[in-house]
């Protein structure tokens, strides 16, 4: 994901007329609590999670872990940002040059659709170099990322530049097209 751009200039808080997606930085391990508070206040948000099997000496348990620790994505008008900042557990919005960074709505929506359709996602080291592709079919349609090979399968690494984190999902090579 990259910052939304209009005429080659990154959009800031005042540039967007409608609601946009922003990354809110939270205290450590407060993401689920912040997401619940956002839900209680009726603020549209997205907290991407993945399931992981954890094993202890006496038992095994499937738990939901946050894909991007320390971040919750919120969809709102910048005039309403105080409603988010006053929540306990929220530190600040991710900013560039003093303006909250606008995340591309198409990439956030593609990630939401993919997780809702049961795609298996995992955290991945942040990548900036590689074969850039765009997903043409499936629940991630429209998303852009870097295609990497893992054993015999292909994975799409979706990088969120604003927070310098990446997530990877398994994908069929036929569902992507190169970006030039």
Protein backbone atom coordinates (compact mmCIF):
# COMPACT_ATOMS: atom_id res chain seq x y z
CA UNK A 1 0.00 0.00 0.00
CA UNK A 2 1.16 3.49 -0.70
CA UNK A 3 -0.15 6.88 0.26
CA UNK A 4 -3.14 7.96 -1.79
CA UNK A 5 -1.96 10.47 -4.35
CA UNK A 6 -3.79 13.10 -6.35
CA UNK A 7 -1.81 14.79 -9.15
CA UNK A 8 1.39 13.27 -7.76
CA UNK A 9 1.03 14.87 -4.32
CA UNK A 10 0.28 12.85 -1.19
CA UNK A 11 -3.04 13.75 0.37
CA UNK A 12 -3.04 15.17 3.87
CA UNK A 13 -5.77 15.73 6.42
CA UNK A 14 -7.18 18.79 4.69
CA UNK A 15 -6.94 17.41 1.15
CA UNK A 16 -9.61 14.75 1.53
CA UNK A 17 -13.27 15.81 1.45
CA UNK A 18 -14.80 12.46 2.29
CA UNK A 19 -13.91 9.83 4.84
CA UNK A 20 -10.61 8.02 4.34
CA UNK A 21 -8.64 5.21 5.97
CA UNK A 22 -6.00 6.14 8.55
CA UNK A 23 -3.69 4.08 10.76
CA UNK A 24 -4.06 4.74 14.49
CA UNK A 25 -1.04 3.79 16.60
CA UNK A 26 -1.96 2.12 19.91
CA UNK A 27 -0.23 1.18 23.13
CA UNK A 28 1.36 -2.28 23.10
CA UNK A 29 -1.22 -5.10 23.08
CA UNK A 30 -4.19 -2.69 23.20
CA UNK A 31 -5.36 -3.23 19.60
CA UNK A 32 -8.36 -5.45 20.43
CA UNK A 33 -9.47 -3.19 23.27
CA UNK A 34 -9.26 -0.11 21.03
CA UNK A 35 -11.17 -1.93 18.28
CA UNK A 36 -13.95 -2.76 20.76
CA UNK A 37 -14.12 0.88 21.89
CA UNK A 38 -14.31 2.02 18.25
CA UNK A 39 -17.15 -0.44 17.67
CA UNK A 40 -18.99 0.84 20.76
CA UNK A 41 -18.73 4.42 19.44
CA UNK A 42 -19.91 3.43 15.96
CA UNK A 43 -16.64 4.34 14.23
CA UNK A 44 -15.82 2.19 11.22
CA UNK A 45 -12.55 0.37 11.82
CA UNK A 46 -10.55 -2.64 10.70
CA UNK A 47 -8.31 -4.78 12.87
CA UNK A 48 -6.75 -7.53 10.71
CA UNK A 49 -6.15 -10.74 12.66
CA UNK A 50 -5.00 -14.25 11.82
CA UNK A 51 -5.43 -17.57 13.61
CA UNK A 52 -2.49 -19.41 15.06
CA UNK A 53 -2.29 -22.70 16.90
CA UNK A 54 -0.35 -22.33 20.15
CA UNK A 55 0.91 -25.30 22.11
CA UNK A 56 1.61 -25.51 25.81
CA UNK A 57 2.64 -28.55 27.84
CA UNK A 58 -0.91 -29.41 28.82
CA UNK A 59 -3.00 -28.16 25.90
CA UNK A 60 -3.29 -26.68 22.41
CA UNK A 61 -5.33 -23.63 21.62
CA UNK A 62 -6.22 -21.68 18.49
CA UNK A 63 -5.83 -17.94 19.14
CA UNK A 64 -6.34 -14.82 17.06
CA UNK A 65 -3.23 -12.66 16.70
CA UNK A 66 -3.06 -9.14 15.30
CA UNK A 67 -1.45 -8.92 11.85
CA UNK A 68 -0.05 -5.44 12.44
CA UNK A 69 0.78 -5.16 16.16
CA UNK A 70 0.28 -1.65 17.46
CA UNK A 71 -2.08 -0.46 14.70
CA UNK A 72 -5.82 -0.23 14.09
CA UNK A 73 -7.19 1.15 10.81
CA UNK A 74 -10.03 3.68 11.08
CA UNK A 75 -12.31 5.09 8.38
CA UNK A 76 -13.49 8.62 9.13
CA UNK A 77 -13.42 12.31 8.24
CA UNK A 78 -10.35 14.02 9.63
CA UNK A 79 -12.63 16.47 11.44
CA UNK A 80 -13.70 13.50 13.62
CA UNK A 81 -10.16 12.41 14.57
CA UNK A 82 -10.55 13.64 18.14
CA UNK A 83 -13.18 10.92 18.72
CA UNK A 84 -10.41 8.36 18.10
CA UNK A 85 -7.56 10.17 19.85
CA UNK A 86 -9.48 10.49 23.12
CA UNK A 87 -9.88 6.70 23.44
CA UNK A 88 -7.73 5.09 26.12
CA UNK A 89 -5.03 3.08 24.37
CA UNK A 90 -4.73 5.26 21.25
CA UNK A 91 -1.43 7.14 21.06
CA UNK A 92 -1.65 9.01 17.74
CA UNK A 93 -2.32 8.73 14.03
CA UNK A 94 0.53 7.76 11.71
CA UNK A 95 1.62 11.06 10.15
CA UNK A 96 3.89 12.38 7.42
CA UNK A 97 4.95 16.04 7.55
CA UNK A 98 2.53 16.62 10.41
CA UNK A 99 -0.50 15.36 8.45
CA UNK A 100 -2.20 12.00 9.10
CA UNK A 101 -1.26 9.54 6.35
CA UNK A 102 -4.17 8.50 4.12
CA UNK A 103 -4.15 4.77 3.31
CA UNK A 104 -5.50 3.59 -0.07
CA UNK A 105 -9.05 2.43 0.48
CA UNK A 106 -8.84 -0.16 -2.30
CA UNK A 107 -5.97 -2.00 -0.60
CA UNK A 108 -7.63 -1.90 2.82
CA UNK A 109 -10.87 -3.17 1.31
CA UNK A 110 -9.06 -5.93 -0.59
CA UNK A 111 -7.39 -7.07 2.65
CA UNK A 112 -10.75 -7.01 4.43
CA UNK A 113 -12.37 -9.08 1.66
CA UNK A 114 -9.52 -11.58 1.65
CA UNK A 115 -9.66 -12.16 5.40
CA UNK A 116 -13.46 -12.35 5.31
CA UNK A 117 -13.23 -15.08 2.66
CA UNK A 118 -10.89 -17.14 4.82
CA UNK A 119 -7.57 -16.44 3.11
CA UNK A 120 -4.69 -17.47 5.33
CA UNK A 121 -2.56 -14.42 6.08
CA UNK A 122 0.67 -14.10 8.06
CA UNK A 123 3.06 -11.35 8.97
CA UNK A 124 6.00 -10.97 6.62
CA UNK A 125 9.19 -8.89 6.70
CA UNK A 126 8.68 -5.50 5.05
CA UNK A 127 9.63 -5.63 1.34
CA UNK A 128 10.19 -2.76 -1.06
CA UNK A 129 11.97 -4.59 -3.89
CA UNK A 130 10.50 -7.36 -6.01
CA UNK A 131 8.14 -8.18 -8.86
CA UNK A 132 5.15 -5.84 -8.40
CA UNK A 133 1.82 -7.34 -9.39
CA UNK A 134 -1.87 -6.51 -9.23
CA UNK A 135 -4.49 -9.10 -8.30
CA UNK A 136 -7.02 -9.51 -11.11
CA UNK A 137 -9.28 -12.29 -9.72
CA UNK A 138 -10.53 -13.46 -6.36
CA UNK A 139 -11.27 -11.78 -3.04
CA UNK A 140 -8.09 -9.69 -3.19
CA UNK A 141 -8.99 -8.27 -6.60
CA UNK A 142 -7.50 -4.82 -7.07
CA UNK A 143 -4.78 -5.18 -4.44
CA UNK A 144 -1.17 -4.59 -5.39
CA UNK A 145 1.87 -6.23 -3.87
CA UNK A 146 5.07 -8.12 -4.45
CA UNK A 147 4.96 -11.70 -5.71
CA UNK A 148 7.37 -14.11 -3.99
CA UNK A 149 7.84 -17.83 -4.27
CA UNK A 150 7.66 -19.93 -1.11
CA UNK A 151 8.56 -23.59 -1.67
CA UNK A 152 6.14 -24.66 -4.44
CA UNK A 153 3.52 -21.95 -3.81
CA UNK A 154 3.27 -18.26 -4.64
CA UNK A 155 2.60 -15.59 -2.05
CA UNK A 156 1.51 -12.02 -2.43
CA UNK A 157 3.23 -9.66 -0.01
CA UNK A 158 1.10 -6.58 0.61
CA UNK A 159 3.20 -3.79 2.09
CA UNK A 160 1.64 -0.94 4.02
CA UNK A 161 4.20 1.77 3.49
CA UNK A 162 2.76 4.16 6.10
CA UNK A 163 3.54 1.74 8.94
CA UNK A 164 6.37 -0.15 7.18
CA UNK A 165 4.76 -3.55 7.75
CA UNK A 166 3.83 -6.35 5.38
CA UNK A 167 1.44 -9.25 5.28
CA UNK A 168 1.53 -12.23 2.93
CA UNK A 169 -1.23 -14.43 1.56
CA UNK A 170 -1.02 -17.51 -0.63
CA UNK A 171 -2.25 -16.83 -4.13
CA UNK A 172 -2.46 -18.56 -7.48
CA UNK A 173 -0.01 -17.12 -10.03
CA UNK A 174 -2.81 -17.02 -12.61
CA UNK A 175 -4.74 -14.48 -10.48
CA UNK A 176 -2.11 -11.74 -10.82
CA UNK A 177 -0.82 -9.49 -13.58
CA UNK A 178 2.43 -7.52 -13.62
CA UNK A 179 2.34 -3.79 -12.86
CA UNK A 180 4.41 -1.65 -15.18
